[in-house]
N, C-alpha and C. Protein backbone atom coordinates (compact mmCIF):
# COMPACT_ATOMS: atom_id res chain seq x y z
N UNK A 1 -2.54 19.50 4.29
CA UNK A 1 -1.55 19.44 3.23
C UNK A 1 -2.06 20.25 2.03
N UNK A 2 -1.24 21.14 1.56
CA UNK A 2 -1.63 22.00 0.44
C UNK A 2 -1.39 21.29 -0.89
N UNK A 3 -2.28 21.53 -1.81
CA UNK A 3 -2.15 20.98 -3.15
C UNK A 3 -1.16 21.85 -3.92
N UNK A 4 -0.18 21.25 -4.60
CA UNK A 4 0.75 22.06 -5.40
C UNK A 4 -0.02 22.94 -6.40
N UNK A 5 0.51 24.13 -6.63
CA UNK A 5 -0.18 25.13 -7.46
C UNK A 5 -0.50 24.62 -8.86
N UNK A 6 0.42 23.88 -9.49
CA UNK A 6 0.16 23.42 -10.86
C UNK A 6 -0.99 22.42 -10.89
N UNK A 7 -1.09 21.59 -9.86
CA UNK A 7 -2.20 20.62 -9.80
C UNK A 7 -3.51 21.34 -9.53
N UNK A 8 -3.49 22.27 -8.60
CA UNK A 8 -4.71 23.06 -8.29
C UNK A 8 -5.16 23.82 -9.52
N UNK A 9 -4.22 24.43 -10.25
CA UNK A 9 -4.58 25.17 -11.46
C UNK A 9 -5.16 24.25 -12.53
N UNK A 10 -4.56 23.08 -12.70
CA UNK A 10 -5.06 22.13 -13.71
C UNK A 10 -6.47 21.68 -13.36
N UNK A 11 -6.72 21.38 -12.10
CA UNK A 11 -8.07 20.98 -11.70
C UNK A 11 -9.06 22.13 -11.85
N UNK A 12 -8.62 23.35 -11.57
CA UNK A 12 -9.47 24.53 -11.78
C UNK A 12 -9.79 24.69 -13.27
N UNK A 13 -8.78 24.49 -14.11
CA UNK A 13 -9.00 24.57 -15.55
C UNK A 13 -9.95 23.50 -16.04
N UNK A 14 -9.80 22.28 -15.52
CA UNK A 14 -10.71 21.19 -15.90
C UNK A 14 -12.13 21.52 -15.46
N UNK A 15 -12.27 22.10 -14.28
CA UNK A 15 -13.59 22.49 -13.77
C UNK A 15 -14.22 23.56 -14.67
N UNK A 16 -13.44 24.54 -15.08
CA UNK A 16 -13.97 25.59 -15.97
C UNK A 16 -14.37 25.02 -17.32
N UNK A 17 -13.56 24.11 -17.84
CA UNK A 17 -13.92 23.46 -19.10
C UNK A 17 -15.19 22.63 -18.95
N UNK A 18 -15.39 22.05 -17.78
CA UNK A 18 -16.62 21.28 -17.52
C UNK A 18 -17.85 22.19 -17.55
N UNK A 19 -17.63 23.48 -17.38
CA UNK A 19 -18.70 24.47 -17.50
C UNK A 19 -18.72 25.09 -18.90
N UNK A 20 -18.04 24.41 -19.83
CA UNK A 20 -17.96 24.82 -21.24
C UNK A 20 -17.38 26.23 -21.39
N UNK A 21 -16.39 26.52 -20.56
CA UNK A 21 -15.66 27.78 -20.62
C UNK A 21 -14.30 27.51 -21.26
N UNK A 22 -14.11 27.92 -22.52
CA UNK A 22 -12.84 27.66 -23.19
C UNK A 22 -11.65 28.32 -22.50
N UNK A 23 -11.92 29.33 -21.67
CA UNK A 23 -10.85 29.98 -20.93
C UNK A 23 -10.16 29.07 -19.94
N UNK A 24 -10.77 27.92 -19.65
CA UNK A 24 -10.15 26.96 -18.74
C UNK A 24 -8.82 26.45 -19.24
N UNK A 25 -8.60 26.49 -20.55
CA UNK A 25 -7.35 26.00 -21.13
C UNK A 25 -6.15 26.78 -20.60
N UNK A 26 -6.36 28.04 -20.24
CA UNK A 26 -5.26 28.89 -19.77
C UNK A 26 -4.69 28.42 -18.43
N UNK A 27 -5.37 27.54 -17.72
CA UNK A 27 -4.92 27.10 -16.41
C UNK A 27 -3.93 25.93 -16.45
N UNK A 28 -3.64 25.43 -17.63
CA UNK A 28 -2.77 24.27 -17.78
C UNK A 28 -1.38 24.67 -18.25
N UNK A 29 -0.38 23.89 -17.81
CA UNK A 29 0.94 24.04 -18.38
C UNK A 29 0.92 23.52 -19.81
N UNK A 30 1.89 23.92 -20.59
CA UNK A 30 1.90 23.54 -22.01
C UNK A 30 3.26 23.00 -22.45
N UNK A 31 3.95 22.34 -21.53
CA UNK A 31 5.27 21.83 -21.87
C UNK A 31 5.39 20.35 -21.48
N UNK A 32 6.55 19.80 -21.72
CA UNK A 32 6.76 18.38 -21.45
C UNK A 32 6.59 18.05 -19.96
N UNK A 33 7.03 18.95 -19.09
CA UNK A 33 6.87 18.72 -17.65
C UNK A 33 5.38 18.65 -17.30
N UNK A 34 4.58 19.55 -17.85
CA UNK A 34 3.13 19.53 -17.60
C UNK A 34 2.50 18.25 -18.13
N UNK A 35 3.02 17.76 -19.25
CA UNK A 35 2.54 16.50 -19.81
C UNK A 35 2.73 15.37 -18.80
N UNK A 36 3.96 15.21 -18.32
CA UNK A 36 4.23 14.12 -17.39
C UNK A 36 3.48 14.29 -16.07
N UNK A 37 3.37 15.53 -15.60
CA UNK A 37 2.65 15.80 -14.35
C UNK A 37 1.15 15.54 -14.51
N UNK A 38 0.64 15.62 -15.72
CA UNK A 38 -0.80 15.41 -15.92
C UNK A 38 -1.21 13.97 -15.59
N UNK A 39 -0.24 13.07 -15.55
CA UNK A 39 -0.57 11.69 -15.20
C UNK A 39 -0.81 11.53 -13.70
N UNK A 40 -0.58 12.59 -12.93
CA UNK A 40 -0.97 12.60 -11.52
C UNK A 40 -2.49 12.46 -11.43
N UNK A 41 -3.18 12.91 -12.46
CA UNK A 41 -4.65 12.77 -12.49
C UNK A 41 -5.05 11.30 -12.38
N UNK A 42 -4.24 10.40 -12.93
CA UNK A 42 -4.54 8.96 -12.81
C UNK A 42 -4.48 8.53 -11.35
N UNK A 43 -3.56 9.08 -10.59
CA UNK A 43 -3.48 8.77 -9.16
C UNK A 43 -4.67 9.35 -8.40
N UNK A 44 -5.10 10.53 -8.80
CA UNK A 44 -6.25 11.17 -8.15
C UNK A 44 -7.52 10.37 -8.42
N UNK A 45 -7.67 9.87 -9.65
CA UNK A 45 -8.87 9.13 -10.04
C UNK A 45 -8.85 7.68 -9.57
N UNK A 46 -7.68 7.16 -9.21
CA UNK A 46 -7.55 5.74 -8.88
C UNK A 46 -8.46 5.29 -7.73
N UNK A 47 -8.61 6.04 -6.65
CA UNK A 47 -9.54 5.59 -5.60
C UNK A 47 -10.98 5.40 -6.11
N UNK A 48 -11.44 6.29 -6.99
CA UNK A 48 -12.78 6.12 -7.57
C UNK A 48 -12.82 4.84 -8.40
N UNK A 49 -11.78 4.61 -9.18
CA UNK A 49 -11.68 3.39 -9.97
C UNK A 49 -11.78 2.15 -9.07
N UNK A 50 -11.08 2.18 -7.95
CA UNK A 50 -11.11 1.04 -7.02
C UNK A 50 -12.51 0.82 -6.45
N UNK A 51 -13.24 1.90 -6.22
CA UNK A 51 -14.60 1.76 -5.70
C UNK A 51 -15.54 1.16 -6.74
N UNK A 52 -15.23 1.33 -8.03
CA UNK A 52 -16.06 0.75 -9.09
C UNK A 52 -15.86 -0.76 -9.22
N UNK A 53 -14.70 -1.27 -8.82
CA UNK A 53 -14.38 -2.68 -9.04
C UNK A 53 -15.42 -3.65 -8.48
N UNK A 54 -15.86 -3.50 -7.24
CA UNK A 54 -16.85 -4.47 -6.74
C UNK A 54 -18.17 -4.43 -7.50
N UNK A 55 -18.47 -3.32 -8.14
CA UNK A 55 -19.74 -3.20 -8.86
C UNK A 55 -19.78 -4.06 -10.11
N UNK A 56 -18.61 -4.30 -10.69
CA UNK A 56 -18.57 -5.08 -11.93
C UNK A 56 -18.03 -6.47 -11.75
N UNK A 57 -17.85 -6.90 -10.51
CA UNK A 57 -17.25 -8.21 -10.26
C UNK A 57 -18.20 -9.11 -9.51
N UNK A 58 -17.82 -10.37 -9.44
CA UNK A 58 -18.60 -11.38 -8.73
C UNK A 58 -18.44 -11.18 -7.23
N UNK A 59 -19.53 -10.84 -6.55
CA UNK A 59 -19.50 -10.58 -5.11
C UNK A 59 -19.14 -11.83 -4.31
N UNK A 60 -19.37 -13.01 -4.86
CA UNK A 60 -19.09 -14.25 -4.15
C UNK A 60 -17.69 -14.80 -4.44
N UNK A 61 -16.87 -14.02 -5.10
CA UNK A 61 -15.54 -14.49 -5.46
C UNK A 61 -14.70 -14.71 -4.20
N UNK A 62 -13.83 -15.68 -4.28
CA UNK A 62 -12.92 -15.97 -3.17
C UNK A 62 -11.91 -14.83 -3.03
N UNK A 63 -11.35 -14.62 -1.81
CA UNK A 63 -10.39 -13.53 -1.61
C UNK A 63 -9.20 -13.60 -2.56
N UNK A 64 -8.73 -14.78 -2.90
CA UNK A 64 -7.61 -14.88 -3.84
C UNK A 64 -8.03 -14.40 -5.21
N UNK A 65 -9.30 -14.63 -5.56
CA UNK A 65 -9.79 -14.12 -6.84
C UNK A 65 -9.82 -12.60 -6.83
N UNK A 66 -10.17 -11.99 -5.68
CA UNK A 66 -10.20 -10.54 -5.58
C UNK A 66 -8.82 -9.94 -5.78
N UNK A 67 -7.79 -10.61 -5.26
CA UNK A 67 -6.43 -10.13 -5.46
C UNK A 67 -6.09 -10.16 -6.94
N UNK A 68 -6.45 -11.24 -7.58
CA UNK A 68 -6.20 -11.36 -9.03
C UNK A 68 -6.96 -10.29 -9.80
N UNK A 69 -8.24 -10.10 -9.47
CA UNK A 69 -9.05 -9.07 -10.13
C UNK A 69 -8.42 -7.69 -9.92
N UNK A 70 -8.00 -7.40 -8.70
CA UNK A 70 -7.38 -6.11 -8.39
C UNK A 70 -6.12 -5.90 -9.22
N UNK A 71 -5.28 -6.92 -9.30
CA UNK A 71 -4.06 -6.81 -10.09
C UNK A 71 -4.35 -6.62 -11.58
N UNK A 72 -5.23 -7.45 -12.11
CA UNK A 72 -5.56 -7.37 -13.53
C UNK A 72 -6.18 -6.01 -13.86
N UNK A 73 -7.13 -5.58 -13.05
CA UNK A 73 -7.81 -4.31 -13.32
C UNK A 73 -6.89 -3.11 -13.14
N UNK A 74 -5.96 -3.20 -12.18
CA UNK A 74 -5.01 -2.10 -12.00
C UNK A 74 -4.07 -2.01 -13.19
N UNK A 75 -3.63 -3.14 -13.68
CA UNK A 75 -2.79 -3.13 -14.89
C UNK A 75 -3.57 -2.57 -16.07
N UNK A 76 -4.83 -2.96 -16.20
CA UNK A 76 -5.67 -2.43 -17.28
C UNK A 76 -5.86 -0.93 -17.14
N UNK A 77 -6.01 -0.45 -15.91
CA UNK A 77 -6.15 0.98 -15.64
C UNK A 77 -4.91 1.73 -16.15
N UNK A 78 -3.74 1.23 -15.82
CA UNK A 78 -2.49 1.86 -16.26
C UNK A 78 -2.39 1.81 -17.78
N UNK A 79 -2.74 0.66 -18.36
CA UNK A 79 -2.71 0.54 -19.82
C UNK A 79 -3.64 1.56 -20.47
N UNK A 80 -4.84 1.71 -19.93
CA UNK A 80 -5.78 2.68 -20.48
C UNK A 80 -5.23 4.10 -20.46
N UNK A 81 -4.61 4.47 -19.33
CA UNK A 81 -4.06 5.82 -19.21
C UNK A 81 -2.86 6.04 -20.13
N UNK A 82 -2.12 5.00 -20.43
CA UNK A 82 -0.94 5.17 -21.28
C UNK A 82 -1.23 4.91 -22.75
N UNK A 83 -2.21 4.08 -23.03
CA UNK A 83 -2.52 3.75 -24.43
C UNK A 83 -3.21 4.92 -25.15
N UNK A 84 -4.09 5.62 -24.46
CA UNK A 84 -4.84 6.68 -25.14
C UNK A 84 -3.92 7.72 -25.79
N UNK A 85 -2.91 8.25 -25.09
CA UNK A 85 -2.03 9.21 -25.77
C UNK A 85 -1.35 8.63 -27.00
N UNK A 86 -0.99 7.35 -26.95
CA UNK A 86 -0.32 6.73 -28.09
C UNK A 86 -1.28 6.52 -29.26
N UNK A 87 -2.51 6.13 -28.95
CA UNK A 87 -3.51 5.89 -30.00
C UNK A 87 -3.97 7.21 -30.61
N UNK A 88 -4.07 8.24 -29.81
CA UNK A 88 -4.63 9.50 -30.30
C UNK A 88 -3.60 10.31 -31.10
N UNK A 89 -2.31 10.02 -30.94
CA UNK A 89 -1.29 10.76 -31.70
C UNK A 89 -1.51 10.66 -33.21
N UNK A 90 -1.67 9.45 -33.79
CA UNK A 90 -1.91 9.41 -35.23
C UNK A 90 -3.26 10.03 -35.62
N UNK A 91 -4.22 10.02 -34.69
CA UNK A 91 -5.51 10.65 -34.98
C UNK A 91 -5.31 12.16 -35.10
N UNK A 92 -4.53 12.75 -34.19
CA UNK A 92 -4.27 14.19 -34.28
C UNK A 92 -3.46 14.51 -35.54
N UNK A 93 -2.58 13.60 -35.91
CA UNK A 93 -1.81 13.78 -37.15
C UNK A 93 -2.77 13.78 -38.35
N UNK A 94 -3.71 12.83 -38.37
CA UNK A 94 -4.70 12.73 -39.44
C UNK A 94 -5.54 14.02 -39.53
N UNK A 95 -5.86 14.58 -38.36
CA UNK A 95 -6.67 15.81 -38.32
C UNK A 95 -5.85 17.07 -38.57
N UNK A 96 -4.54 16.92 -38.74
CA UNK A 96 -3.69 18.08 -38.95
C UNK A 96 -3.48 18.88 -37.67
N UNK A 97 -3.59 18.23 -36.52
CA UNK A 97 -3.47 18.92 -35.23
C UNK A 97 -2.40 18.30 -34.33
N UNK A 98 -1.42 17.64 -34.94
CA UNK A 98 -0.37 16.98 -34.17
C UNK A 98 0.37 17.97 -33.27
N UNK A 99 0.52 19.20 -33.69
CA UNK A 99 1.22 20.22 -32.89
C UNK A 99 0.48 20.50 -31.58
N UNK A 100 -0.80 20.17 -31.52
CA UNK A 100 -1.59 20.41 -30.30
C UNK A 100 -1.77 19.14 -29.47
N UNK A 101 -1.15 18.05 -29.90
CA UNK A 101 -1.31 16.76 -29.20
C UNK A 101 -0.90 16.85 -27.73
N UNK A 102 0.26 17.43 -27.46
CA UNK A 102 0.76 17.52 -26.10
C UNK A 102 -0.24 18.27 -25.21
N UNK A 103 -0.69 19.44 -25.68
CA UNK A 103 -1.68 20.22 -24.92
C UNK A 103 -2.96 19.43 -24.70
N UNK A 104 -3.39 18.72 -25.73
CA UNK A 104 -4.62 17.95 -25.60
C UNK A 104 -4.50 16.87 -24.54
N UNK A 105 -3.40 16.13 -24.55
CA UNK A 105 -3.23 15.06 -23.57
C UNK A 105 -3.18 15.63 -22.16
N UNK A 106 -2.52 16.75 -21.98
CA UNK A 106 -2.46 17.39 -20.66
C UNK A 106 -3.87 17.69 -20.17
N UNK A 107 -4.66 18.35 -20.98
CA UNK A 107 -6.02 18.73 -20.58
C UNK A 107 -6.91 17.49 -20.46
N UNK A 108 -6.79 16.57 -21.40
CA UNK A 108 -7.57 15.33 -21.36
C UNK A 108 -7.33 14.58 -20.05
N UNK A 109 -6.06 14.42 -19.67
CA UNK A 109 -5.74 13.68 -18.44
C UNK A 109 -6.40 14.33 -17.23
N UNK A 110 -6.26 15.64 -17.10
CA UNK A 110 -6.86 16.30 -15.94
C UNK A 110 -8.38 16.24 -15.99
N UNK A 111 -8.95 16.25 -17.17
CA UNK A 111 -10.41 16.16 -17.28
C UNK A 111 -10.91 14.79 -16.82
N UNK A 112 -10.07 13.78 -16.95
CA UNK A 112 -10.46 12.44 -16.51
C UNK A 112 -10.70 12.38 -15.00
N UNK A 113 -9.91 13.12 -14.24
CA UNK A 113 -10.11 13.13 -12.79
C UNK A 113 -11.51 13.63 -12.45
N UNK A 114 -11.96 14.68 -13.14
CA UNK A 114 -13.32 15.18 -12.91
C UNK A 114 -14.37 14.18 -13.37
N UNK A 115 -14.12 13.53 -14.50
CA UNK A 115 -15.09 12.56 -15.02
C UNK A 115 -15.28 11.40 -14.05
N UNK A 116 -14.20 10.89 -13.51
CA UNK A 116 -14.31 9.81 -12.52
C UNK A 116 -15.13 10.28 -11.31
N UNK A 117 -14.89 11.52 -10.89
CA UNK A 117 -15.63 12.06 -9.75
C UNK A 117 -17.12 12.15 -10.01
N UNK A 118 -17.50 12.59 -11.19
CA UNK A 118 -18.92 12.71 -11.54
C UNK A 118 -19.58 11.35 -11.56
N UNK A 119 -18.96 10.40 -12.23
CA UNK A 119 -19.55 9.06 -12.33
C UNK A 119 -19.63 8.41 -10.95
N UNK A 120 -18.59 8.58 -10.14
CA UNK A 120 -18.62 8.03 -8.78
C UNK A 120 -19.78 8.63 -7.97
N UNK A 121 -19.95 9.95 -8.05
CA UNK A 121 -21.04 10.60 -7.30
C UNK A 121 -22.40 10.06 -7.72
N UNK A 122 -22.59 9.86 -9.02
CA UNK A 122 -23.88 9.36 -9.52
C UNK A 122 -24.09 7.91 -9.09
N UNK A 123 -23.05 7.10 -9.17
CA UNK A 123 -23.17 5.69 -8.75
C UNK A 123 -23.51 5.62 -7.26
N UNK A 124 -22.82 6.42 -6.45
CA UNK A 124 -23.09 6.41 -5.01
C UNK A 124 -24.50 6.90 -4.71
N UNK A 125 -24.96 7.90 -5.44
CA UNK A 125 -26.33 8.39 -5.26
C UNK A 125 -27.33 7.28 -5.60
N UNK A 126 -27.09 6.58 -6.69
CA UNK A 126 -27.97 5.49 -7.09
C UNK A 126 -27.99 4.37 -6.06
N UNK A 127 -26.81 4.01 -5.55
CA UNK A 127 -26.70 2.94 -4.57
C UNK A 127 -27.32 3.33 -3.22
N UNK A 128 -27.35 4.62 -2.93
CA UNK A 128 -27.89 5.08 -1.65
C UNK A 128 -29.41 4.99 -1.58
N UNK A 129 -30.05 4.88 -2.75
CA UNK A 129 -31.50 4.86 -2.78
C UNK A 129 -32.09 6.26 -2.77
N UNK A 130 -31.25 7.29 -2.81
CA UNK A 130 -31.73 8.68 -2.78
C UNK A 130 -31.98 9.25 -4.18
N UNK A 131 -31.70 8.43 -5.18
CA UNK A 131 -31.93 8.87 -6.56
C UNK A 131 -33.44 9.08 -6.75
N UNK A 132 -33.84 10.23 -7.30
CA UNK A 132 -35.27 10.47 -7.51
C UNK A 132 -35.89 9.36 -8.37
N UNK A 133 -37.10 8.96 -8.02
CA UNK A 133 -37.77 7.84 -8.70
C UNK A 133 -37.87 8.05 -10.21
N UNK A 134 -38.13 9.29 -10.62
CA UNK A 134 -38.30 9.53 -12.06
C UNK A 134 -36.99 9.41 -12.83
N UNK A 135 -35.85 9.38 -12.11
CA UNK A 135 -34.55 9.23 -12.77
C UNK A 135 -33.97 7.82 -12.58
N UNK A 136 -34.71 6.95 -11.93
CA UNK A 136 -34.23 5.60 -11.62
C UNK A 136 -33.57 4.97 -12.85
N UNK A 137 -32.28 4.73 -12.72
CA UNK A 137 -31.53 4.09 -13.80
C UNK A 137 -31.12 5.03 -14.92
N UNK A 138 -31.77 6.16 -15.02
CA UNK A 138 -31.45 7.10 -16.09
C UNK A 138 -30.39 8.12 -15.72
N UNK A 139 -30.17 8.29 -14.43
CA UNK A 139 -29.20 9.29 -13.99
C UNK A 139 -27.79 8.94 -14.44
N UNK A 140 -27.44 7.67 -14.35
CA UNK A 140 -26.11 7.25 -14.80
C UNK A 140 -25.96 7.47 -16.31
N UNK A 141 -27.00 7.16 -17.04
CA UNK A 141 -26.99 7.40 -18.49
C UNK A 141 -26.76 8.88 -18.78
N UNK A 142 -27.48 9.75 -18.07
CA UNK A 142 -27.32 11.20 -18.25
C UNK A 142 -25.91 11.65 -17.88
N UNK A 143 -25.35 11.06 -16.83
CA UNK A 143 -23.98 11.41 -16.42
C UNK A 143 -22.98 11.04 -17.51
N UNK A 144 -23.17 9.87 -18.13
CA UNK A 144 -22.27 9.49 -19.22
C UNK A 144 -22.42 10.41 -20.43
N UNK A 145 -23.63 10.80 -20.73
CA UNK A 145 -23.84 11.76 -21.84
C UNK A 145 -23.12 13.07 -21.53
N UNK A 146 -23.23 13.54 -20.29
CA UNK A 146 -22.55 14.78 -19.89
C UNK A 146 -21.03 14.63 -19.98
N UNK A 147 -20.52 13.49 -19.54
CA UNK A 147 -19.08 13.23 -19.58
C UNK A 147 -18.60 13.19 -21.03
N UNK A 148 -19.35 12.55 -21.91
CA UNK A 148 -18.96 12.50 -23.32
C UNK A 148 -19.01 13.89 -23.96
N UNK A 149 -20.01 14.68 -23.61
CA UNK A 149 -20.10 16.05 -24.13
C UNK A 149 -18.91 16.87 -23.63
N UNK A 150 -18.57 16.71 -22.38
CA UNK A 150 -17.42 17.40 -21.79
C UNK A 150 -16.14 17.01 -22.51
N UNK A 151 -15.94 15.71 -22.71
CA UNK A 151 -14.73 15.26 -23.39
C UNK A 151 -14.69 15.78 -24.83
N UNK A 152 -15.84 15.79 -25.49
CA UNK A 152 -15.90 16.35 -26.84
C UNK A 152 -15.56 17.84 -26.85
N UNK A 153 -16.05 18.56 -25.85
CA UNK A 153 -15.75 20.00 -25.75
C UNK A 153 -14.26 20.21 -25.53
N UNK A 154 -13.65 19.38 -24.69
CA UNK A 154 -12.20 19.49 -24.45
C UNK A 154 -11.45 19.26 -25.76
N UNK A 155 -11.80 18.21 -26.48
CA UNK A 155 -11.13 17.92 -27.76
C UNK A 155 -11.35 19.06 -28.75
N UNK A 156 -12.57 19.53 -28.85
CA UNK A 156 -12.89 20.60 -29.80
C UNK A 156 -12.12 21.88 -29.47
N UNK A 157 -12.06 22.21 -28.18
CA UNK A 157 -11.42 23.44 -27.75
C UNK A 157 -9.91 23.38 -27.87
N UNK A 158 -9.31 22.33 -27.33
CA UNK A 158 -7.84 22.25 -27.30
C UNK A 158 -7.26 21.97 -28.68
N UNK A 159 -7.90 21.09 -29.42
CA UNK A 159 -7.39 20.75 -30.75
C UNK A 159 -7.88 21.70 -31.84
N UNK A 160 -8.86 22.55 -31.50
CA UNK A 160 -9.45 23.48 -32.46
C UNK A 160 -9.97 22.72 -33.68
N UNK A 161 -10.90 21.79 -33.40
CA UNK A 161 -11.48 20.94 -34.44
C UNK A 161 -13.00 21.07 -34.42
N UNK A 162 -13.63 20.52 -35.42
CA UNK A 162 -15.10 20.55 -35.52
C UNK A 162 -15.72 19.59 -34.51
N UNK A 163 -17.03 19.76 -34.30
CA UNK A 163 -17.75 18.83 -33.41
C UNK A 163 -17.70 17.39 -33.92
N UNK A 164 -17.88 17.15 -35.24
CA UNK A 164 -17.77 15.75 -35.69
C UNK A 164 -16.38 15.15 -35.43
N UNK A 165 -15.33 15.94 -35.62
CA UNK A 165 -13.98 15.44 -35.34
C UNK A 165 -13.80 15.18 -33.84
N UNK A 166 -14.37 16.07 -33.02
CA UNK A 166 -14.31 15.87 -31.56
C UNK A 166 -15.08 14.61 -31.18
N UNK A 167 -16.20 14.37 -31.84
CA UNK A 167 -16.96 13.15 -31.61
C UNK A 167 -16.15 11.92 -31.95
N UNK A 168 -15.33 12.02 -33.00
CA UNK A 168 -14.46 10.90 -33.37
C UNK A 168 -13.44 10.63 -32.26
N UNK A 169 -12.90 11.68 -31.65
CA UNK A 169 -11.95 11.53 -30.55
C UNK A 169 -12.63 10.80 -29.38
N UNK A 170 -13.84 11.21 -29.05
CA UNK A 170 -14.59 10.58 -27.96
C UNK A 170 -14.85 9.11 -28.30
N UNK A 171 -15.20 8.84 -29.54
CA UNK A 171 -15.46 7.46 -29.96
C UNK A 171 -14.19 6.61 -29.85
N UNK A 172 -13.05 7.16 -30.25
CA UNK A 172 -11.79 6.43 -30.12
C UNK A 172 -11.53 6.10 -28.66
N UNK A 173 -11.76 7.07 -27.78
CA UNK A 173 -11.57 6.84 -26.34
C UNK A 173 -12.52 5.76 -25.83
N UNK A 174 -13.76 5.84 -26.25
CA UNK A 174 -14.77 4.86 -25.82
C UNK A 174 -14.41 3.45 -26.28
N UNK A 175 -14.03 3.31 -27.54
CA UNK A 175 -13.68 1.99 -28.08
C UNK A 175 -12.42 1.45 -27.41
N UNK A 176 -11.42 2.30 -27.27
CA UNK A 176 -10.18 1.86 -26.62
C UNK A 176 -10.46 1.42 -25.18
N UNK A 177 -11.24 2.20 -24.45
CA UNK A 177 -11.58 1.85 -23.08
C UNK A 177 -12.31 0.52 -23.00
N UNK A 178 -13.23 0.32 -23.93
CA UNK A 178 -13.98 -0.95 -23.93
C UNK A 178 -13.07 -2.13 -24.26
N UNK A 179 -12.16 -1.96 -25.22
CA UNK A 179 -11.23 -3.04 -25.57
C UNK A 179 -10.33 -3.41 -24.39
N UNK A 180 -9.83 -2.41 -23.68
CA UNK A 180 -8.99 -2.67 -22.51
C UNK A 180 -9.81 -3.38 -21.43
N UNK A 181 -11.05 -2.94 -21.22
CA UNK A 181 -11.94 -3.58 -20.22
C UNK A 181 -12.23 -5.02 -20.58
N UNK A 182 -12.52 -5.27 -21.84
CA UNK A 182 -12.81 -6.64 -22.26
C UNK A 182 -11.60 -7.55 -22.08
N UNK A 183 -10.42 -7.02 -22.39
CA UNK A 183 -9.19 -7.81 -22.20
C UNK A 183 -9.00 -8.14 -20.73
N UNK A 184 -9.23 -7.15 -19.87
CA UNK A 184 -9.07 -7.37 -18.42
C UNK A 184 -10.10 -8.37 -17.92
N UNK A 185 -11.34 -8.22 -18.35
CA UNK A 185 -12.41 -9.14 -17.91
C UNK A 185 -12.12 -10.58 -18.33
N UNK A 186 -11.50 -10.75 -19.48
CA UNK A 186 -11.19 -12.11 -19.94
C UNK A 186 -10.13 -12.78 -19.08
N UNK A 187 -9.41 -12.00 -18.29
CA UNK A 187 -8.35 -12.54 -17.45
C UNK A 187 -8.79 -12.77 -16.00
N UNK A 188 -10.01 -12.41 -15.68
CA UNK A 188 -10.51 -12.59 -14.28
C UNK A 188 -10.58 -14.04 -13.94
């Protein structure tokens, strides 16, 4: 099955941006249709998200509890993907970059698919026991630093803002993600 051209281009653009190539922005659509299609990235990242669930949950939980956890966490996943664009809109307005909000969300969404992939690869490497001894436990930390740097680069490039402002965008994402996670965990 062939990947539709717009999805392949968006993933190629996200990959180039992950290499800190600002030219990756040219691979994305810049209209309302591209905005809505960018949420396909949530579907692409969802299997990785599902693989993370057992890592943060009680392994001895009853099967009915797992169904509840799956439902709660899936709802939280959807909330996270939909809340960020809403929360970041006034932030872009504050930064004087509201006109670039649509483009930013398009690129941000596609970049999330790559971020989930990186974190999943590192977690699987750690769980496999193949992680080099000198990186024991530190590889995941390094992966998160790389992901945050990547997200900051995306914000800086697409919104045409300073590094401190891009750091603020990353911080907003981090805090929002943690709040959604805490809410979901409280419902387990």
